[in-house]
Amino acid sequence: MITANGLVSGHAKEPIFSFGVISDVQYADIPDGRSFSGIPRYYRHSFQVLQRAVNNWNDLRKLRFSVNFGDLVDGFCPKDKSLTMVEKVITEFEKFDGPIYHMIGNHCLYNLPRKKLVTLLKMPSVSGHAYYDFSPTPEYRFIVLDAYDFSALGWPQDHPISIAAKKFLEEKNPNADKNSPNGMVGLDRRFLMFNGAVGKEQLDWLDSILLDSTERKQKVIVCCHVPLDPKSASAEALLWNYEEVMDVIHQYKCVKACFAGHDHKGGYSVDSHGIHHRVLEAALECSPGSNAFGYIDVYHDRITLVGTDRMMSTEMLFSS
């Protein structure tokens, strides 16, 4: 039996709606391994975590949709099996009785080009972008950002964005291995190849969506594979231009929470504007029999993450 982790709500009111969450499945049909820092990774078991998540979500019979925060398949997946493995994970997600909203992670881009991923993940975007928005109710709007819009990953080697991103990394990271933060100090340690940035066109789009949401009196939840607040994640896991993104967000009062994955240990903070930042614990690092997934109940004045096992439950009260 799967039980919720830690949170027993004393609130009697029913939520406006609820949705499922999971991050960093990073499935691969290979033996277990370890991260660069020595943390165990359970590549085959993560698929079982996903299966249990989907079964749990369906058993709840109340979730309007679910969100996958990126990294379907691990970078160590043999490249001749990338497409097959990605399709296998997507098929498992599609056993959920409702819409699934995906975002692109760095491990996705190690396996397949972004153009292919946008199609496979059925992103409801305009002009093939990997960022989009949707409104499950008139009161709420979700913004899904593309953290690798400006990146050395996923674009053809000769693409202007790829060339510019590699030049950017050369200027910011002195190491030959651009995934190494050796010798780098503080928040500069985020300038690694496995991170990325939100480009100018996407920033302008974000601004326009937030303006429209403000005019509609909507509350906004932002979803991004890569974390946006230094207090919620390791420096090595932050978006390159998180400050630019948050500067746009902080111009408005409609954003109530930002959710992310990528930093597998998870994290939580509240920023200077009262916005909640919750980084979700990775399914990949669940030892056999354990889990990391959950669902979120959304109310007028708060959102409540009900986590399972490694995913810590969190109640987030709105400041206004």
Protein backbone atom coordinates (compact mmCIF):
# COMPACT_ATOMS: atom_id res chain seq x y z
CA MET A 1 0.00 0.00 0.00
CA ILE A 2 1.30 3.47 -0.88
CA THR A 3 0.84 6.13 1.78
CA ALA A 4 1.20 9.90 1.71
CA ASN A 5 4.30 11.30 3.35
CA GLY A 6 3.92 13.44 6.42
CA LEU A 7 1.11 15.88 5.71
CA VAL A 8 -2.29 15.61 7.30
CA SER A 9 -4.38 18.60 6.30
CA GLY A 10 -6.79 20.07 8.79
CA HIS A 11 -8.64 21.95 6.05
CA ALA A 12 -12.13 20.63 5.42
CA LYS A 13 -12.78 22.37 2.12
CA GLU A 14 -12.42 20.46 -1.11
CA PRO A 15 -9.68 21.72 -3.46
CA ILE A 16 -10.62 23.58 -6.63
CA PHE A 17 -8.68 20.90 -8.51
CA SER A 18 -5.78 18.49 -8.01
CA PHE A 19 -2.94 17.25 -10.25
CA GLY A 20 -0.16 14.65 -10.13
CA VAL A 21 3.59 15.37 -10.11
CA ILE A 22 6.77 13.39 -10.76
CA SER A 23 10.27 14.35 -11.85
CA ASP A 24 13.52 12.89 -13.15
CA VAL A 25 12.50 9.31 -13.91
CA GLN A 26 15.67 8.95 -16.03
CA TYR A 27 14.88 5.36 -16.95
CA ALA A 28 17.46 3.20 -18.68
CA ASP A 29 17.67 -0.56 -19.12
CA ILE A 30 21.15 -0.69 -17.57
CA PRO A 31 22.60 -1.74 -14.18
CA ASP A 32 22.32 0.66 -11.25
CA GLY A 33 25.01 3.31 -11.01
CA ARG A 34 25.99 6.47 -9.14
CA SER A 35 25.96 10.19 -9.81
CA PHE A 36 29.21 12.14 -10.15
CA SER A 37 28.94 12.86 -6.41
CA GLY A 38 28.45 9.18 -5.57
CA ILE A 39 24.69 9.07 -4.95
CA PRO A 40 23.07 5.75 -6.02
CA ARG A 41 20.89 5.79 -9.13
CA TYR A 42 18.38 3.04 -9.80
CA TYR A 43 17.87 3.15 -13.56
CA ARG A 44 15.50 0.19 -13.97
CA HIS A 45 13.60 0.67 -10.71
CA SER A 46 12.67 4.25 -11.66
CA PHE A 47 10.30 2.83 -14.27
CA GLN A 48 8.52 0.92 -11.49
CA VAL A 49 8.24 4.18 -9.54
CA LEU A 50 6.52 5.71 -12.57
CA GLN A 51 4.18 2.72 -12.85
CA ARG A 52 3.20 3.05 -9.20
CA ALA A 53 2.73 6.81 -9.64
CA VAL A 54 0.31 6.36 -12.54
CA ASN A 55 -1.61 3.64 -10.68
CA ASN A 56 -1.81 5.84 -7.60
CA TRP A 57 -2.98 8.86 -9.58
CA ASN A 58 -5.69 6.79 -11.27
CA ASP A 59 -6.80 5.26 -7.96
CA LEU A 60 -7.31 8.73 -6.49
CA ARG A 61 -9.99 9.41 -9.13
CA LYS A 62 -9.73 13.15 -8.59
CA LEU A 63 -6.72 14.39 -10.55
CA ARG A 64 -7.50 16.68 -13.46
CA PHE A 65 -4.06 16.22 -15.08
CA SER A 66 -0.46 15.31 -14.21
CA VAL A 67 2.87 17.07 -14.80
CA ASN A 68 6.21 15.42 -15.58
CA PHE A 69 9.07 17.76 -14.72
CA GLY A 70 11.50 16.37 -17.28
CA ASP A 71 14.27 13.82 -17.82
CA LEU A 72 12.28 10.81 -19.01
CA VAL A 73 15.33 8.73 -19.96
CA ASP A 74 18.89 8.85 -18.64
CA GLY A 75 21.88 10.06 -20.62
CA PHE A 76 23.57 6.68 -20.14
CA CYS A 77 20.81 5.00 -22.16
CA PRO A 78 22.46 3.42 -25.25
CA LYS A 79 21.79 5.87 -28.08
CA ASP A 80 20.52 3.19 -30.45
CA LYS A 81 17.75 2.58 -27.90
CA SER A 82 16.94 6.23 -27.08
CA LEU A 83 13.78 6.48 -29.16
CA THR A 84 12.47 3.09 -27.98
CA MET A 85 13.09 3.94 -24.32
CA VAL A 86 11.53 7.41 -24.57
CA GLU A 87 8.46 5.93 -26.26
CA LYS A 88 8.25 3.26 -23.54
CA VAL A 89 8.20 5.87 -20.78
CA ILE A 90 5.70 8.07 -22.65
CA THR A 91 3.43 5.04 -23.13
CA GLU A 92 3.50 4.42 -19.38
CA PHE A 93 2.60 8.06 -18.68
CA GLU A 94 -0.30 7.78 -21.12
CA LYS A 95 -1.89 5.08 -18.96
CA PHE A 96 -2.92 7.95 -16.69
CA ASP A 97 -6.62 8.77 -17.01
CA GLY A 98 -6.13 12.40 -18.03
CA PRO A 99 -3.78 14.81 -19.79
CA ILE A 100 -0.03 14.68 -19.11
CA TYR A 101 2.01 17.88 -19.46
CA HIS A 102 5.74 17.39 -20.08
CA MET A 103 8.79 19.62 -20.12
CA ILE A 104 12.22 19.00 -21.61
CA GLY A 105 15.17 18.15 -19.36
CA ASN A 106 18.88 17.84 -20.13
CA HIS A 107 18.75 14.03 -20.15
CA CYS A 108 15.96 14.17 -22.72
CA LEU A 109 18.30 16.20 -24.94
CA TYR A 110 21.18 13.74 -24.47
CA ASN A 111 18.93 11.18 -26.15
CA LEU A 112 16.90 13.00 -28.81
CA PRO A 113 16.88 16.41 -30.54
CA ARG A 114 14.40 18.94 -29.18
CA LYS A 115 12.32 19.01 -32.37
CA LYS A 116 11.66 15.28 -32.04
CA LEU A 117 10.88 15.61 -28.32
CA VAL A 118 8.32 18.41 -28.78
CA THR A 119 6.40 16.12 -31.14
CA LEU A 120 6.73 12.95 -29.05
CA LEU A 121 5.70 14.75 -25.86
CA LYS A 122 2.69 16.30 -27.61
CA MET A 123 3.49 19.73 -26.21
CA PRO A 124 0.55 22.12 -26.74
CA SER A 125 2.91 24.85 -27.91
CA VAL A 126 2.90 27.36 -30.74
CA SER A 127 5.44 27.17 -33.60
CA GLY A 128 7.19 24.10 -32.19
CA HIS A 129 8.43 25.80 -29.03
CA ALA A 130 8.97 23.73 -25.86
CA TYR A 131 7.25 26.34 -23.69
CA TYR A 132 3.50 26.83 -23.34
CA ASP A 133 0.67 27.68 -20.96
CA PHE A 134 -2.70 26.22 -20.05
CA SER A 135 -5.60 26.99 -17.70
CA PRO A 136 -7.34 24.08 -15.97
CA THR A 137 -9.82 26.54 -14.41
CA PRO A 138 -10.57 30.23 -15.01
CA GLU A 139 -8.86 31.11 -11.70
CA TYR A 140 -5.53 29.38 -12.39
CA ARG A 141 -2.96 29.38 -15.17
CA PHE A 142 0.11 27.19 -15.58
CA ILE A 143 3.22 28.38 -17.39
CA VAL A 144 5.66 25.68 -18.57
CA LEU A 145 9.10 27.10 -19.33
CA ASP A 146 11.80 25.69 -21.61
CA ALA A 147 15.01 25.75 -19.54
CA TYR A 148 17.10 24.74 -22.58
CA ASP A 149 15.83 27.37 -24.99
CA PHE A 150 19.36 28.85 -24.93
CA SER A 151 21.61 25.85 -24.49
CA ALA A 152 24.50 23.85 -25.87
CA LEU A 153 22.19 20.80 -25.78
CA GLY A 154 19.52 19.69 -28.22
CA TRP A 155 20.26 22.06 -31.09
CA PRO A 156 22.24 21.02 -34.20
CA GLN A 157 25.97 21.68 -33.67
CA ASP A 158 25.98 24.40 -36.34
CA HIS A 159 22.79 26.11 -35.08
CA PRO A 160 23.35 29.77 -34.03
CA ILE A 161 21.94 29.04 -30.56
CA SER A 162 24.30 26.10 -30.04
CA ILE A 163 27.28 28.18 -31.19
CA ALA A 164 26.31 31.14 -28.97
CA ALA A 165 25.68 28.91 -25.93
CA LYS A 166 29.07 27.23 -26.27
CA LYS A 167 30.74 30.64 -26.53
CA PHE A 168 28.83 31.73 -23.41
CA LEU A 169 30.07 28.67 -21.51
CA GLU A 170 33.65 29.28 -22.65
CA GLU A 171 33.44 32.75 -21.11
CA LYS A 172 31.79 31.61 -17.88
CA ASN A 173 33.40 28.22 -17.18
CA PRO A 174 37.22 27.87 -17.23
CA ASN A 175 37.19 24.05 -17.17
CA ALA A 176 37.80 21.85 -20.22
CA ASP A 177 34.84 19.76 -19.04
CA LYS A 178 31.95 22.21 -19.16
CA ASN A 179 29.94 20.01 -16.78
CA SER A 180 32.59 20.55 -14.08
CA PRO A 181 32.33 23.44 -11.58
CA ASN A 182 35.91 22.94 -10.31
CA GLY A 183 37.43 26.23 -9.17
CA MET A 184 34.17 28.10 -9.64
CA VAL A 185 32.74 29.96 -6.66
CA GLY A 186 29.23 30.50 -5.31
CA LEU A 187 26.41 30.97 -7.77
CA ASP A 188 28.87 31.02 -10.69
CA ARG A 189 28.91 27.23 -10.29
CA ARG A 190 25.63 27.16 -12.24
CA PHE A 191 27.41 27.81 -15.55
CA LEU A 192 27.54 24.14 -16.55
CA MET A 193 26.56 22.47 -19.80
CA PHE A 194 23.78 20.44 -18.17
CA ASN A 195 21.98 23.69 -17.29
CA GLY A 196 20.59 26.25 -19.72
CA ALA A 197 18.73 29.54 -20.02
CA VAL A 198 15.43 31.06 -21.07
CA GLY A 199 15.96 33.05 -24.28
CA LYS A 200 14.78 36.61 -25.00
CA GLU A 201 11.78 35.59 -27.11
CA GLN A 202 10.61 33.28 -24.35
CA LEU A 203 11.17 36.00 -21.72
CA ASP A 204 8.99 38.38 -23.78
CA TRP A 205 6.36 35.65 -24.08
CA LEU A 206 6.49 35.05 -20.30
CA ASP A 207 5.97 38.76 -19.70
CA SER A 208 2.95 38.83 -22.03
CA ILE A 209 1.35 35.80 -20.37
CA LEU A 210 1.83 37.27 -16.90
CA LEU A 211 0.31 40.56 -18.02
CA ASP A 212 -2.68 38.74 -19.48
CA SER A 213 -3.02 36.63 -16.30
CA THR A 214 -2.98 39.80 -14.19
CA GLU A 215 -5.73 41.33 -16.29
CA ARG A 216 -7.76 38.14 -15.95
CA LYS A 217 -7.13 38.06 -12.18
CA GLN A 218 -5.60 34.59 -12.47
CA LYS A 219 -3.19 32.94 -10.06
CA VAL A 220 -0.15 31.47 -11.84
CA ILE A 221 1.98 28.39 -11.19
CA VAL A 222 5.30 28.26 -13.07
CA CYS A 223 6.86 24.91 -14.02
CA CYS A 224 10.47 24.58 -15.18
CA HIS A 225 12.85 21.60 -15.24
CA VAL A 226 15.68 23.74 -13.80
CA PRO A 227 15.20 25.57 -10.45
CA LEU A 228 14.75 29.36 -10.33
CA ASP A 229 15.70 30.23 -6.74
CA PRO A 230 19.17 29.76 -5.17
CA LYS A 231 17.68 28.96 -1.76
CA SER A 232 15.70 26.02 -3.14
CA ALA A 233 18.53 24.22 -4.95
CA SER A 234 22.28 23.71 -5.26
CA ALA A 235 24.16 26.42 -7.17
CA GLU A 236 25.17 23.74 -9.69
CA ALA A 237 21.50 23.10 -10.54
CA LEU A 238 20.27 26.65 -11.20
CA LEU A 239 19.07 28.17 -14.46
CA TRP A 240 21.84 30.28 -16.03
CA ASN A 241 19.62 33.37 -16.13
CA TYR A 242 17.33 32.66 -13.19
CA GLU A 243 17.66 36.31 -12.13
CA GLU A 244 16.29 37.56 -15.46
CA VAL A 245 13.37 35.15 -15.27
CA MET A 246 12.56 36.09 -11.68
CA ASP A 247 12.86 39.80 -12.50
CA VAL A 248 10.04 39.34 -15.02
CA ILE A 249 7.98 37.26 -12.58
CA HIS A 250 8.49 39.74 -9.74
CA GLN A 251 7.01 42.56 -11.83
CA TYR A 252 3.62 40.92 -11.23
CA LYS A 253 1.77 39.61 -8.19
CA CYS A 254 -0.01 36.75 -9.91
CA VAL A 255 2.68 34.03 -9.58
CA LYS A 256 2.16 32.00 -6.42
CA ALA A 257 4.59 29.10 -6.88
CA CYS A 258 7.42 27.83 -9.05
CA PHE A 259 7.99 24.06 -9.31
CA ALA A 260 11.10 22.39 -10.72
CA GLY A 261 13.07 19.14 -10.87
CA HIS A 262 16.72 18.61 -11.92
CA ASP A 263 18.25 18.90 -8.42
CA HIS A 264 17.51 15.33 -7.34
CA LYS A 265 17.61 15.84 -3.58
CA GLY A 266 14.69 18.29 -3.77
CA GLY A 267 14.30 21.61 -1.99
CA TYR A 268 11.96 24.35 -0.83
CA SER A 269 12.14 28.10 -0.28
CA VAL A 270 9.98 31.21 -0.21
CA ASP A 271 11.51 34.20 -1.99
CA SER A 272 11.45 37.91 -1.07
CA HIS A 273 8.15 38.37 -2.94
CA GLY A 274 6.39 35.52 -1.13
CA ILE A 275 6.62 33.10 -4.09
CA HIS A 276 7.02 29.44 -3.11
CA HIS A 277 9.80 27.48 -4.87
CA ARG A 278 9.51 23.69 -4.62
CA VAL A 279 12.10 21.43 -6.27
CA LEU A 280 10.78 17.87 -6.54
CA GLU A 281 12.74 14.83 -5.38
CA ALA A 282 13.86 12.51 -8.20
CA ALA A 283 12.23 9.17 -8.99
CA LEU A 284 15.66 7.97 -10.18
CA GLU A 285 17.12 7.97 -6.67
CA CYS A 286 14.43 5.76 -5.11
CA SER A 287 15.90 2.51 -3.80
CA PRO A 288 13.88 -0.60 -4.69
CA GLY A 289 10.43 -0.47 -3.12
CA SER A 290 10.52 3.26 -2.36
CA ASN A 291 8.85 6.08 -4.28
CA ALA A 292 9.02 9.77 -5.17
CA PHE A 293 5.83 11.18 -6.65
CA GLY A 294 2.77 12.96 -5.38
CA TYR A 295 -0.21 15.13 -6.13
CA ILE A 296 -1.04 18.75 -5.47
CA ASP A 297 -4.34 20.05 -4.12
CA VAL A 298 -5.04 23.60 -5.30
CA TYR A 299 -7.18 26.00 -3.26
CA HIS A 300 -8.00 29.71 -3.49
CA ASP A 301 -5.44 30.63 -0.82
CA ARG A 302 -2.84 27.84 -0.88
CA ILE A 303 -1.52 24.75 -2.61
CA THR A 304 -0.69 21.51 -0.84
CA LEU A 305 1.80 18.94 -2.15
CA VAL A 306 0.99 15.48 -0.81
CA GLY A 307 4.16 13.48 -1.37
CA THR A 308 4.93 9.79 -1.20
CA ASP A 309 8.08 8.39 0.50
CA ARG A 310 11.06 10.45 -0.73
CA MET A 311 8.86 13.28 -1.98
CA MET A 312 8.26 15.49 1.03
CA SER A 313 4.78 16.89 1.57
CA THR A 314 4.62 20.68 1.61
CA GLU A 315 1.85 23.17 2.38
CA MET A 316 2.28 26.52 0.64
CA LEU A 317 0.13 29.39 1.90
CA PHE A 318 -0.20 32.44 -0.35
CA SER A 319 1.00 35.73 1.07
CA SER A 320 -1.76 37.71 -0.68
